[in-house]
């Protein structure tokens, strides 16, 4: 798999998780939803910089 395809797949997985969490748990809660979405993005970014960027 090429590098660009792997990064694109990683971003798509992050978006799917964010949208799924929003619809399943945080539909009518704006501030909680914003905080959780920021947290998910931070976790994905840390994981990317620690493990996936080395290639």
N, C-alpha and C. Protein backbone atom coordinates (compact mmCIF):
# COMPACT_ATOMS: atom_id res chain seq x y z
N UNK A 1 0.85 -1.17 0.00
CA UNK A 1 0.00 0.00 0.00
C UNK A 1 0.90 1.24 0.00
N UNK A 2 0.56 2.20 -0.81
CA UNK A 2 1.39 3.39 -0.87
C UNK A 2 1.20 4.25 0.38
N UNK A 3 2.12 5.13 0.59
CA UNK A 3 2.11 6.01 1.77
C UNK A 3 0.88 6.90 1.79
N UNK A 4 0.51 7.46 0.65
CA UNK A 4 -0.65 8.35 0.58
C UNK A 4 -1.95 7.61 0.83
N UNK A 5 -2.03 6.40 0.34
CA UNK A 5 -3.24 5.60 0.56
C UNK A 5 -3.38 5.23 2.03
N UNK A 6 -2.27 4.95 2.68
CA UNK A 6 -2.31 4.61 4.11
C UNK A 6 -2.76 5.80 4.94
N UNK A 7 -2.24 6.99 4.63
CA UNK A 7 -2.64 8.19 5.36
C UNK A 7 -4.10 8.50 5.10
N UNK A 8 -4.55 8.35 3.87
CA UNK A 8 -5.95 8.59 3.55
C UNK A 8 -6.86 7.62 4.29
N UNK A 9 -6.46 6.37 4.37
CA UNK A 9 -7.24 5.37 5.10
C UNK A 9 -7.27 5.70 6.60
N UNK A 10 -6.18 6.20 7.13
CA UNK A 10 -6.09 6.60 8.53
C UNK A 10 -7.04 7.76 8.82
N UNK A 11 -7.08 8.75 7.93
CA UNK A 11 -7.98 9.90 8.10
C UNK A 11 -9.43 9.47 7.98
N UNK A 12 -9.73 8.59 7.05
CA UNK A 12 -11.10 8.10 6.89
C UNK A 12 -11.54 7.34 8.15
N UNK A 13 -10.65 6.54 8.73
CA UNK A 13 -10.98 5.83 9.96
C UNK A 13 -11.26 6.80 11.09
N UNK A 14 -10.48 7.88 11.19
CA UNK A 14 -10.70 8.88 12.23
C UNK A 14 -12.06 9.54 12.04
N UNK A 15 -12.41 9.90 10.82
CA UNK A 15 -13.69 10.55 10.56
C UNK A 15 -14.85 9.61 10.88
N UNK A 16 -14.73 8.35 10.53
CA UNK A 16 -15.78 7.37 10.82
C UNK A 16 -15.98 7.23 12.33
N UNK A 17 -14.91 7.19 13.08
CA UNK A 17 -15.03 7.08 14.53
C UNK A 17 -15.66 8.33 15.13
N UNK A 18 -15.27 9.51 14.66
CA UNK A 18 -15.85 10.75 15.18
C UNK A 18 -17.34 10.83 14.87
N UNK A 19 -17.73 10.55 13.66
CA UNK A 19 -19.15 10.60 13.29
C UNK A 19 -19.94 9.54 14.03
N UNK A 20 -19.39 8.36 14.19
CA UNK A 20 -20.09 7.30 14.93
C UNK A 20 -20.31 7.67 16.38
N UNK A 21 -19.30 8.21 17.03
CA UNK A 21 -19.45 8.62 18.43
C UNK A 21 -20.46 9.75 18.54
N UNK A 22 -20.43 10.69 17.61
CA UNK A 22 -21.38 11.80 17.63
C UNK A 22 -22.82 11.30 17.54
N UNK A 23 -23.09 10.42 16.61
CA UNK A 23 -24.46 9.95 16.42
C UNK A 23 -24.92 9.00 17.51
N UNK A 24 -24.01 8.19 18.03
CA UNK A 24 -24.42 7.20 19.02
C UNK A 24 -24.58 7.77 20.42
N UNK A 25 -23.71 8.70 20.82
CA UNK A 25 -23.68 9.11 22.21
C UNK A 25 -23.94 10.59 22.46
N UNK A 26 -23.56 11.46 21.54
CA UNK A 26 -23.53 12.89 21.84
C UNK A 26 -24.37 13.72 20.88
N UNK A 27 -25.54 13.26 20.56
CA UNK A 27 -26.34 13.91 19.54
C UNK A 27 -26.74 15.34 19.90
N UNK A 28 -27.18 15.61 21.12
CA UNK A 28 -27.70 16.93 21.49
C UNK A 28 -26.84 17.64 22.52
N UNK A 29 -25.59 17.31 22.62
CA UNK A 29 -24.70 17.91 23.61
C UNK A 29 -23.53 18.56 22.90
N UNK A 30 -23.61 19.88 22.69
CA UNK A 30 -22.61 20.56 21.86
C UNK A 30 -21.22 20.55 22.50
N UNK A 31 -21.10 21.02 23.73
CA UNK A 31 -19.78 21.18 24.35
C UNK A 31 -19.10 19.85 24.63
N UNK A 32 -19.88 18.85 25.05
CA UNK A 32 -19.30 17.53 25.27
C UNK A 32 -18.84 16.93 23.94
N UNK A 33 -19.64 17.15 22.91
CA UNK A 33 -19.31 16.64 21.59
C UNK A 33 -18.02 17.27 21.08
N UNK A 34 -17.89 18.59 21.25
CA UNK A 34 -16.69 19.29 20.82
C UNK A 34 -15.46 18.78 21.57
N UNK A 35 -15.58 18.61 22.87
CA UNK A 35 -14.46 18.12 23.68
C UNK A 35 -14.05 16.71 23.28
N UNK A 36 -15.01 15.85 23.08
CA UNK A 36 -14.71 14.46 22.69
C UNK A 36 -14.08 14.42 21.30
N UNK A 37 -14.59 15.22 20.37
CA UNK A 37 -14.02 15.24 19.02
C UNK A 37 -12.57 15.73 19.04
N UNK A 38 -12.30 16.76 19.82
CA UNK A 38 -10.92 17.24 19.95
C UNK A 38 -10.04 16.16 20.56
N UNK A 39 -10.55 15.47 21.56
CA UNK A 39 -9.80 14.39 22.19
C UNK A 39 -9.48 13.26 21.22
N UNK A 40 -10.44 12.89 20.39
CA UNK A 40 -10.22 11.83 19.41
C UNK A 40 -9.15 12.25 18.40
N UNK A 41 -9.22 13.49 17.94
CA UNK A 41 -8.23 13.98 16.98
C UNK A 41 -6.83 14.00 17.61
N UNK A 42 -6.75 14.40 18.87
CA UNK A 42 -5.45 14.43 19.56
C UNK A 42 -4.89 13.02 19.70
N UNK A 43 -5.73 12.07 20.07
CA UNK A 43 -5.27 10.68 20.21
C UNK A 43 -4.77 10.15 18.86
N UNK A 44 -5.52 10.41 17.79
CA UNK A 44 -5.09 9.96 16.47
C UNK A 44 -3.78 10.63 16.07
N UNK A 45 -3.63 11.93 16.37
CA UNK A 45 -2.40 12.65 16.01
C UNK A 45 -1.20 12.09 16.77
N UNK A 46 -1.37 11.84 18.07
CA UNK A 46 -0.27 11.29 18.87
C UNK A 46 0.12 9.91 18.34
N UNK A 47 -0.88 9.07 18.06
CA UNK A 47 -0.60 7.74 17.53
C UNK A 47 0.13 7.84 16.19
N UNK A 48 -0.29 8.77 15.34
CA UNK A 48 0.36 8.94 14.04
C UNK A 48 1.82 9.35 14.21
N UNK A 49 2.06 10.36 15.05
CA UNK A 49 3.43 10.85 15.20
C UNK A 49 4.34 9.84 15.91
N UNK A 50 3.79 9.01 16.78
CA UNK A 50 4.62 8.04 17.46
C UNK A 50 4.93 6.80 16.64
N UNK A 51 3.96 6.33 15.85
CA UNK A 51 4.12 5.03 15.21
C UNK A 51 4.11 5.04 13.69
N UNK A 52 3.36 5.91 13.07
CA UNK A 52 3.18 5.80 11.64
C UNK A 52 4.06 6.74 10.82
N UNK A 53 4.58 7.76 11.42
CA UNK A 53 5.37 8.74 10.68
C UNK A 53 6.78 8.25 10.39
N UNK A 54 7.22 7.24 11.02
CA UNK A 54 8.62 6.76 10.90
C UNK A 54 8.91 6.16 9.54
N UNK A 55 7.91 5.75 8.81
CA UNK A 55 8.15 5.08 7.52
C UNK A 55 8.74 6.01 6.50
